[in-house]
């Protein structure tokens, strides 16, 4: 199953994986669609200075997630990110 969503980020960590638990491994891709703002991706403690991945304007990042993994993101300038998840069930 393919799932998509757009999320407008703020300075507070918010979940960017799908709200309901995905109970199988999945491929997750996030693209920063903002023209100038950065998006910062990590765990629930992600901030603009404490993050796992910094995604520049127009860039994307993908990773493999295990069942029920959750990914969070923030932005210093209200970046919108486009998300696609391929559920490999």
PDB file of N, CA and C in Angstrom:
ATOM      1  N   UNK A   1       0.842  -1.167   0.000  1.00  0.00           N
ATOM      2  CA  UNK A   1       0.000   0.000   0.000  1.00  0.00           C
ATOM      3  C   UNK A   1       0.895   1.240   0.000  1.00  0.00           C
ATOM      4  N   UNK A   2       0.535   2.244  -0.775  1.00  0.00           N
ATOM      5  CA  UNK A   2       1.257   3.510  -0.800  1.00  0.00           C
ATOM      6  C   UNK A   2       0.433   4.540  -0.038  1.00  0.00           C
ATOM      7  N   UNK A   3       1.095   5.252   0.859  1.00  0.00           N
ATOM      8  CA  UNK A   3       0.434   6.300   1.645  1.00  0.00           C
ATOM      9  C   UNK A   3       1.189   7.604   1.401  1.00  0.00           C
ATOM     10  N   UNK A   4       0.460   8.708   1.302  1.00  0.00           N
ATOM     11  CA  UNK A   4       1.087  10.010   1.104  1.00  0.00           C
ATOM     12  C   UNK A   4       0.441  11.038   2.021  1.00  0.00           C
ATOM     13  N   UNK A   5       1.197  12.075   2.311  1.00  0.00           N
ATOM     14  CA  UNK A   5       0.658  13.200   3.066  1.00  0.00           C
ATOM     15  C   UNK A   5       1.626  14.372   2.979  1.00  0.00           C
ATOM     16  N   UNK A   6       1.142  15.563   3.203  1.00  0.00           N
ATOM     17  CA  UNK A   6       1.953  16.763   3.309  1.00  0.00           C
ATOM     18  C   UNK A   6       1.829  17.279   4.731  1.00  0.00           C
ATOM     19  N   UNK A   7       2.944  17.722   5.289  1.00  0.00           N
ATOM     20  CA  UNK A   7       2.958  18.227   6.661  1.00  0.00           C
ATOM     21  C   UNK A   7       3.685  19.564   6.676  1.00  0.00           C
ATOM     22  N   UNK A   8       3.058  20.588   7.250  1.00  0.00           N
ATOM     23  CA  UNK A   8       3.730  21.870   7.448  1.00  0.00           C
ATOM     24  C   UNK A   8       4.342  21.840   8.836  1.00  0.00           C
ATOM     25  N   UNK A   9       5.647  22.020   8.880  1.00  0.00           N
ATOM     26  CA  UNK A   9       6.391  21.900  10.132  1.00  0.00           C
ATOM     27  C   UNK A   9       6.435  23.208  10.891  1.00  0.00           C
ATOM     28  N   UNK A  10       6.700  23.085  12.177  1.00  0.00           N
ATOM     29  CA  UNK A  10       6.898  24.242  13.042  1.00  0.00           C
ATOM     30  C   UNK A  10       8.192  24.026  13.806  1.00  0.00           C
ATOM     31  N   UNK A  11       8.435  24.812  14.818  1.00  0.00           N
ATOM     32  CA  UNK A  11       9.625  24.670  15.641  1.00  0.00           C
ATOM     33  C   UNK A  11       9.496  23.593  16.705  1.00  0.00           C
ATOM     34  N   UNK A  12       8.365  22.919  16.750  1.00  0.00           N
ATOM     35  CA  UNK A  12       8.117  21.848  17.707  1.00  0.00           C
ATOM     36  C   UNK A  12       8.111  20.510  16.976  1.00  0.00           C
ATOM     37  N   UNK A  13       8.762  19.501  17.557  1.00  0.00           N
ATOM     38  CA  UNK A  13       8.811  18.182  16.927  1.00  0.00           C
ATOM     39  C   UNK A  13       7.404  17.644  16.700  1.00  0.00           C
ATOM     40  N   UNK A  14       7.144  17.198  15.486  1.00  0.00           N
ATOM     41  CA  UNK A  14       5.867  16.566  15.192  1.00  0.00           C
ATOM     42  C   UNK A  14       6.101  15.315  14.359  1.00  0.00           C
ATOM     43  N   UNK A  15       5.243  14.357  14.565  1.00  0.00           N
ATOM     44  CA  UNK A  15       5.387  13.083  13.881  1.00  0.00           C
ATOM     45  C   UNK A  15       5.099  13.267  12.389  1.00  0.00           C
ATOM     46  N   UNK A  16       5.935  12.676  11.555  1.00  0.00           N
ATOM     47  CA  UNK A  16       5.721  12.767  10.112  1.00  0.00           C
ATOM     48  C   UNK A  16       5.420  11.412   9.492  1.00  0.00           C
ATOM     49  N   UNK A  17       5.554  10.344  10.276  1.00  0.00           N
ATOM     50  CA  UNK A  17       5.071   9.058   9.795  1.00  0.00           C
ATOM     51  C   UNK A  17       3.550   9.098   9.875  1.00  0.00           C
ATOM     52  N   UNK A  18       2.898   8.143   9.252  1.00  0.00           N
ATOM     53  CA  UNK A  18       1.431   8.125   9.239  1.00  0.00           C
ATOM     54  C   UNK A  18       0.922   7.945  10.671  1.00  0.00           C
ATOM     55  N   UNK A  19      -0.171   8.612  10.998  1.00  0.00           N
ATOM     56  CA  UNK A  19      -0.687   8.627  12.364  1.00  0.00           C
ATOM     57  C   UNK A  19      -1.033   7.240  12.902  1.00  0.00           C
ATOM     58  N   UNK A  20      -1.574   6.364  12.043  1.00  0.00           N
ATOM     59  CA  UNK A  20      -1.876   5.020  12.519  1.00  0.00           C
ATOM     60  C   UNK A  20      -0.614   4.162  12.406  1.00  0.00           C
ATOM     61  N   UNK A  21      -0.476   3.197  13.283  1.00  0.00           N
ATOM     62  CA  UNK A  21       0.704   2.329  13.257  1.00  0.00           C
ATOM     63  C   UNK A  21       0.730   1.508  11.980  1.00  0.00           C
ATOM     64  N   UNK A  22       1.893   1.451  11.360  1.00  0.00           N
ATOM     65  CA  UNK A  22       2.116   0.567  10.221  1.00  0.00           C
ATOM     66  C   UNK A  22       2.818  -0.644  10.799  1.00  0.00           C
ATOM     67  N   UNK A  23       2.173  -1.787  10.738  1.00  0.00           N
ATOM     68  CA  UNK A  23       2.686  -2.956  11.450  1.00  0.00           C
ATOM     69  C   UNK A  23       3.578  -3.860  10.600  1.00  0.00           C
ATOM     70  N   UNK A  24       4.122  -3.306   9.517  1.00  0.00           N
ATOM     71  CA  UNK A  24       5.096  -4.030   8.702  1.00  0.00           C
ATOM     72  C   UNK A  24       6.253  -3.087   8.385  1.00  0.00           C
ATOM     73  N   UNK A  25       7.358  -3.646   7.947  1.00  0.00           N
ATOM     74  CA  UNK A  25       8.468  -2.805   7.499  1.00  0.00           C
ATOM     75  C   UNK A  25       8.000  -1.963   6.316  1.00  0.00           C
ATOM     76  N   UNK A  26       8.587  -0.770   6.152  1.00  0.00           N
ATOM     77  CA  UNK A  26       8.159   0.112   5.076  1.00  0.00           C
ATOM     78  C   UNK A  26       9.297   1.005   4.620  1.00  0.00           C
ATOM     79  N   UNK A  27       9.174   1.500   3.409  1.00  0.00           N
ATOM     80  CA  UNK A  27      10.116   2.473   2.865  1.00  0.00           C
ATOM     81  C   UNK A  27       9.494   3.843   3.018  1.00  0.00           C
ATOM     82  N   UNK A  28      10.230   4.770   3.600  1.00  0.00           N
ATOM     83  CA  UNK A  28       9.739   6.099   3.930  1.00  0.00           C
ATOM     84  C   UNK A  28      10.569   7.125   3.178  1.00  0.00           C
ATOM     85  N   UNK A  29       9.922   8.056   2.489  1.00  0.00           N
ATOM     86  CA  UNK A  29      10.640   9.139   1.823  1.00  0.00           C
ATOM     87  C   UNK A  29       9.993  10.457   2.191  1.00  0.00           C
ATOM     88  N   UNK A  30      10.832  11.440   2.493  1.00  0.00           N
ATOM     89  CA  UNK A  30      10.364  12.773   2.846  1.00  0.00           C
ATOM     90  C   UNK A  30      11.098  13.781   1.962  1.00  0.00           C
ATOM     91  N   UNK A  31      10.341  14.700   1.354  1.00  0.00           N
ATOM     92  CA  UNK A  31      10.932  15.733   0.519  1.00  0.00           C
ATOM     93  C   UNK A  31      10.568  17.094   1.092  1.00  0.00           C
ATOM     94  N   UNK A  32      11.571  17.950   1.229  1.00  0.00           N
ATOM     95  CA  UNK A  32      11.356  19.316   1.688  1.00  0.00           C
ATOM     96  C   UNK A  32      10.922  20.132   0.473  1.00  0.00           C
ATOM     97  N   UNK A  33       9.678  20.574   0.441  1.00  0.00           N
ATOM     98  CA  UNK A  33       9.166  21.306  -0.715  1.00  0.00           C
ATOM     99  C   UNK A  33       9.272  22.820  -0.559  1.00  0.00           C
ATOM    100  N   UNK A  34       9.824  23.290   0.545  1.00  0.00           N
ATOM    101  CA  UNK A  34       9.978  24.727   0.775  1.00  0.00           C
ATOM    102  C   UNK A  34      11.125  25.283  -0.071  1.00  0.00           C
ATOM    103  N   UNK A  35      11.007  26.521  -0.498  1.00  0.00           N
ATOM    104  CA  UNK A  35      12.010  27.142  -1.363  1.00  0.00           C
ATOM    105  C   UNK A  35      13.284  27.553  -0.629  1.00  0.00           C
ATOM    106  N   UNK A  36      13.199  27.783   0.689  1.00  0.00           N
ATOM    107  CA  UNK A  36      14.396  28.264   1.386  1.00  0.00           C
ATOM    108  C   UNK A  36      14.600  27.691   2.789  1.00  0.00           C
ATOM    109  N   UNK A  37      13.585  27.117   3.399  1.00  0.00           N
ATOM    110  CA  UNK A  37      13.700  26.621   4.769  1.00  0.00           C
ATOM    111  C   UNK A  37      14.290  25.212   4.809  1.00  0.00           C
ATOM    112  N   UNK A  38      14.928  24.883   5.911  1.00  0.00           N
ATOM    113  CA  UNK A  38      15.455  23.547   6.146  1.00  0.00           C
ATOM    114  C   UNK A  38      14.475  22.753   7.010  1.00  0.00           C
ATOM    115  N   UNK A  39      14.449  21.444   6.812  1.00  0.00           N
ATOM    116  CA  UNK A  39      13.690  20.536   7.662  1.00  0.00           C
ATOM    117  C   UNK A  39      14.698  19.657   8.397  1.00  0.00           C
ATOM    118  N   UNK A  40      14.415  19.341   9.647  1.00  0.00           N
ATOM    119  CA  UNK A  40      15.312  18.543  10.483  1.00  0.00           C
ATOM    120  C   UNK A  40      14.551  17.311  10.953  1.00  0.00           C
ATOM    121  N   UNK A  41      15.098  16.129  10.706  1.00  0.00           N
ATOM    122  CA  UNK A  41      14.404  14.878  10.946  1.00  0.00           C
ATOM    123  C   UNK A  41      15.158  14.062  11.988  1.00  0.00           C
ATOM    124  N   UNK A  42      14.411  13.431  12.897  1.00  0.00           N
ATOM    125  CA  UNK A  42      15.029  12.591  13.917  1.00  0.00           C
ATOM    126  C   UNK A  42      13.970  11.921  14.778  1.00  0.00           C
ATOM    127  N   UNK A  43      14.328  11.670  16.039  1.00  0.00           N
ATOM    128  CA  UNK A  43      13.373  11.049  16.960  1.00  0.00           C
ATOM    129  C   UNK A  43      12.492  12.120  17.599  1.00  0.00           C
ATOM    130  N   UNK A  44      11.746  11.760  18.626  1.00  0.00           N
ATOM    131  CA  UNK A  44      10.801  12.698  19.242  1.00  0.00           C
ATOM    132  C   UNK A  44      11.471  13.904  19.891  1.00  0.00           C
ATOM    133  N   UNK A  45      12.792  13.881  20.063  1.00  0.00           N
ATOM    134  CA  UNK A  45      13.524  14.999  20.654  1.00  0.00           C
ATOM    135  C   UNK A  45      14.182  15.896  19.614  1.00  0.00           C
ATOM    136  N   UNK A  46      13.820  15.743  18.343  1.00  0.00           N
ATOM    137  CA  UNK A  46      14.458  16.511  17.278  1.00  0.00           C
ATOM    138  C   UNK A  46      14.212  18.011  17.466  1.00  0.00           C
ATOM    139  N   UNK A  47      15.263  18.797  17.211  1.00  0.00           N
ATOM    140  CA  UNK A  47      15.180  20.258  17.194  1.00  0.00           C
ATOM    141  C   UNK A  47      15.979  20.731  15.987  1.00  0.00           C
ATOM    142  N   UNK A  48      16.033  22.037  15.789  1.00  0.00           N
ATOM    143  CA  UNK A  48      16.816  22.570  14.675  1.00  0.00           C
ATOM    144  C   UNK A  48      18.317  22.493  14.940  1.00  0.00           C
ATOM    145  N   UNK A  49      18.720  22.127  16.140  1.00  0.00           N
ATOM    146  CA  UNK A  49      20.146  21.955  16.440  1.00  0.00           C
ATOM    147  C   UNK A  49      20.487  20.540  16.913  1.00  0.00           C
ATOM    148  N   UNK A  50      19.479  19.703  17.143  1.00  0.00           N
ATOM    149  CA  UNK A  50      19.675  18.331  17.608  1.00  0.00           C
ATOM    150  C   UNK A  50      18.825  17.424  16.717  1.00  0.00           C
ATOM    151  N   UNK A  51      19.430  16.899  15.672  1.00  0.00           N
ATOM    152  CA  UNK A  51      18.662  16.161  14.677  1.00  0.00           C
ATOM    153  C   UNK A  51      19.486  15.010  14.120  1.00  0.00           C
ATOM    154  N   UNK A  52      18.825  14.137  13.375  1.00  0.00           N
ATOM    155  CA  UNK A  52      19.505  13.037  12.710  1.00  0.00           C
ATOM    156  C   UNK A  52      19.878  13.396  11.290  1.00  0.00           C
ATOM    157  N   UNK A  53      18.972  14.102  10.574  1.00  0.00           N
ATOM    158  CA  UNK A  53      19.197  14.480   9.182  1.00  0.00           C
ATOM    159  C   UNK A  53      18.667  15.893   8.964  1.00  0.00           C
ATOM    160  N   UNK A  54      19.455  16.695   8.264  1.00  0.00           N
ATOM    161  CA  UNK A  54      19.044  18.041   7.861  1.00  0.00           C
ATOM    162  C   UNK A  54      18.725  17.978   6.373  1.00  0.00           C
ATOM    163  N   UNK A  55      17.494  18.349   6.006  1.00  0.00           N
ATOM    164  CA  UNK A  55      17.063  18.274   4.617  1.00  0.00           C
ATOM    165  C   UNK A  55      16.923  19.692   4.073  1.00  0.00           C
ATOM    166  N   UNK A  56      17.726  20.000   3.081  1.00  0.00           N
ATOM    167  CA  UNK A  56      17.716  21.328   2.479  1.00  0.00           C
ATOM    168  C   UNK A  56      16.510  21.547   1.581  1.00  0.00           C
ATOM    169  N   UNK A  57      16.277  22.795   1.191  1.00  0.00           N
ATOM    170  CA  UNK A  57      15.161  23.118   0.304  1.00  0.00           C
ATOM    171  C   UNK A  57      15.232  22.288  -0.982  1.00  0.00           C
ATOM    172  N   UNK A  58      14.126  21.639  -1.318  1.00  0.00           N
ATOM    173  CA  UNK A  58      14.058  20.832  -2.526  1.00  0.00           C
ATOM    174  C   UNK A  58      14.699  19.460  -2.441  1.00  0.00           C
ATOM    175  N   UNK A  59      15.368  19.159  -1.340  1.00  0.00           N
ATOM    176  CA  UNK A  59      16.031  17.868  -1.199  1.00  0.00           C
ATOM    177  C   UNK A  59      15.087  16.830  -0.594  1.00  0.00           C
ATOM    178  N   UNK A  60      15.463  15.561  -0.762  1.00  0.00           N
ATOM    179  CA  UNK A  60      14.677  14.486  -0.167  1.00  0.00           C
ATOM    180  C   UNK A  60      15.598  13.506   0.542  1.00  0.00           C
ATOM    181  N   UNK A  61      14.981  12.695   1.372  1.00  0.00           N
ATOM    182  CA  UNK A  61      15.698  11.723   2.192  1.00  0.00           C
ATOM    183  C   UNK A  61      14.815  10.491   2.302  1.00  0.00           C
ATOM    184  N   UNK A  62      15.413   9.318   2.173  1.00  0.00           N
ATOM    185  CA  UNK A  62      14.622   8.106   2.336  1.00  0.00           C
ATOM    186  C   UNK A  62      15.337   7.131   3.249  1.00  0.00           C
ATOM    187  N   UNK A  63      14.549   6.258   3.872  1.00  0.00           N
ATOM    188  CA  UNK A  63      15.100   5.251   4.758  1.00  0.00           C
ATOM    189  C   UNK A  63      14.107   4.113   4.905  1.00  0.00           C
ATOM    190  N   UNK A  64      14.608   3.013   5.385  1.00  0.00           N
ATOM    191  CA  UNK A  64      13.780   1.853   5.671  1.00  0.00           C
ATOM    192  C   UNK A  64      13.379   1.908   7.138  1.00  0.00           C
ATOM    193  N   UNK A  65      12.091   1.769   7.410  1.00  0.00           N
ATOM    194  CA  UNK A  65      11.589   1.775   8.775  1.00  0.00           C
ATOM    195  C   UNK A  65      11.046   0.395   9.123  1.00  0.00           C
ATOM    196  N   UNK A  66      11.213   0.018  10.349  1.00  0.00           N
ATOM    197  CA  UNK A  66      10.651  -1.234  10.841  1.00  0.00           C
ATOM    198  C   UNK A  66       9.207  -0.990  11.290  1.00  0.00           C
ATOM    199  N   UNK A  67       8.499  -2.057  11.539  1.00  0.00           N
ATOM    200  CA  UNK A  67       7.112  -1.945  11.981  1.00  0.00           C
ATOM    201  C   UNK A  67       7.005  -1.012  13.184  1.00  0.00           C
ATOM    202  N   UNK A  68       6.060  -0.105  13.122  1.00  0.00           N
ATOM    203  CA  UNK A  68       5.725   0.830  14.206  1.00  0.00           C
ATOM    204  C   UNK A  68       6.805   1.856  14.533  1.00  0.00           C
ATOM    205  N   UNK A  69       7.865   1.979  13.706  1.00  0.00           N
ATOM    206  CA  UNK A  69       8.845   3.045  13.900  1.00  0.00           C
ATOM    207  C   UNK A  69       8.169   4.392  13.646  1.00  0.00           C
ATOM    208  N   UNK A  70       8.628   5.406  14.343  1.00  0.00           N
ATOM    209  CA  UNK A  70       8.075   6.745  14.165  1.00  0.00           C
ATOM    210  C   UNK A  70       9.210   7.721  13.890  1.00  0.00           C
ATOM    211  N   UNK A  71       8.958   8.670  13.012  1.00  0.00           N
ATOM    212  CA  UNK A  71       9.934   9.676  12.639  1.00  0.00           C
ATOM    213  C   UNK A  71       9.308  11.046  12.876  1.00  0.00           C
ATOM    214  N   UNK A  72      10.110  11.974  13.394  1.00  0.00           N
ATOM    215  CA  UNK A  72       9.644  13.317  13.724  1.00  0.00           C
ATOM    216  C   UNK A  72      10.442  14.347  12.939  1.00  0.00           C
ATOM    217  N   UNK A  73       9.877  15.554  12.785  1.00  0.00           N
ATOM    218  CA  UNK A  73      10.571  16.618  12.067  1.00  0.00           C
ATOM    219  C   UNK A  73      10.195  17.974  12.635  1.00  0.00           C
ATOM    220  N   UNK A  74      11.082  18.943  12.423  1.00  0.00           N
ATOM    221  CA  UNK A  74      10.849  20.348  12.774  1.00  0.00           C
ATOM    222  C   UNK A  74      11.412  21.213  11.653  1.00  0.00           C
ATOM    223  N   UNK A  75      11.089  22.485  11.696  1.00  0.00           N
ATOM    224  CA  UNK A  75      11.642  23.450  10.752  1.00  0.00           C
ATOM    225  C   UNK A  75      11.774  24.788  11.457  1.00  0.00           C
ATOM    226  N   UNK A  76      12.757  25.561  11.031  1.00  0.00           N
ATOM    227  CA  UNK A  76      12.924  26.890  11.617  1.00  0.00           C
ATOM    228  C   UNK A  76      12.108  27.944  10.864  1.00  0.00           C
ATOM    229  N   UNK A  77      11.431  27.536   9.761  1.00  0.00           N
ATOM    230  CA  UNK A  77      10.711  28.516   8.958  1.00  0.00           C
ATOM    231  C   UNK A  77       9.494  27.906   8.268  1.00  0.00           C
ATOM    232  N   UNK A  78       8.742  27.085   8.958  1.00  0.00           N
ATOM    233  CA  UNK A  78       7.484  26.516   8.461  1.00  0.00           C
ATOM    234  C   UNK A  78       7.615  25.802   7.120  1.00  0.00           C
ATOM    235  N   UNK A  79       8.622  24.979   6.971  1.00  0.00           N
ATOM    236  CA  UNK A  79       8.771  24.192   5.745  1.00  0.00           C
ATOM    237  C   UNK A  79       7.633  23.192   5.639  1.00  0.00           C
ATOM    238  N   UNK A  80       7.168  22.951   4.429  1.00  0.00           N
ATOM    239  CA  UNK A  80       6.215  21.879   4.176  1.00  0.00           C
ATOM    240  C   UNK A  80       6.981  20.719   3.572  1.00  0.00           C
ATOM    241  N   UNK A  81       6.713  19.536   4.070  1.00  0.00           N
ATOM    242  CA  UNK A  81       7.367  18.349   3.547  1.00  0.00           C
ATOM    243  C   UNK A  81       6.319  17.422   2.944  1.00  0.00           C
ATOM    244  N   UNK A  82       6.694  16.789   1.833  1.00  0.00           N
ATOM    245  CA  UNK A  82       5.844  15.796   1.179  1.00  0.00           C
ATOM    246  C   UNK A  82       6.364  14.429   1.586  1.00  0.00           C
ATOM    247  N   UNK A  83       5.473  13.550   1.977  1.00  0.00           N
ATOM    248  CA  UNK A  83       5.852  12.246   2.524  1.00  0.00           C
ATOM    249  C   UNK A  83       5.186  11.155   1.703  1.00  0.00           C
ATOM    250  N   UNK A  84       5.963  10.116   1.417  1.00  0.00           N
ATOM    251  CA  UNK A  84       5.412   8.917   0.798  1.00  0.00           C
ATOM    252  C   UNK A  84       5.930   7.714   1.558  1.00  0.00           C
ATOM    253  N   UNK A  85       5.037   6.807   1.881  1.00  0.00           N
ATOM    254  CA  UNK A  85       5.404   5.573   2.594  1.00  0.00           C
ATOM    255  C   UNK A  85       4.914   4.403   1.761  1.00  0.00           C
ATOM    256  N   UNK A  86       5.821   3.492   1.472  1.00  0.00           N
ATOM    257  CA  UNK A  86       5.471   2.266   0.771  1.00  0.00           C
ATOM    258  C   UNK A  86       5.455   1.147   1.802  1.00  0.00           C
ATOM    259  N   UNK A  87       4.258   0.712   2.144  1.00  0.00           N
ATOM    260  CA  UNK A  87       4.054  -0.373   3.108  1.00  0.00           C
ATOM    261  C   UNK A  87       4.341  -1.679   2.385  1.00  0.00           C
ATOM    262  N   UNK A  88       5.330  -2.434   2.852  1.00  0.00           N
ATOM    263  CA  UNK A  88       5.754  -3.652   2.163  1.00  0.00           C
ATOM    264  C   UNK A  88       5.078  -4.908   2.709  1.00  0.00           C
ATOM    265  N   UNK A  89       3.809  -4.829   3.022  1.00  0.00           N
ATOM    266  CA  UNK A  89       3.098  -5.998   3.546  1.00  0.00           C
ATOM    267  C   UNK A  89       2.661  -6.918   2.430  1.00  0.00           C
TER     268      UNK A  89
END
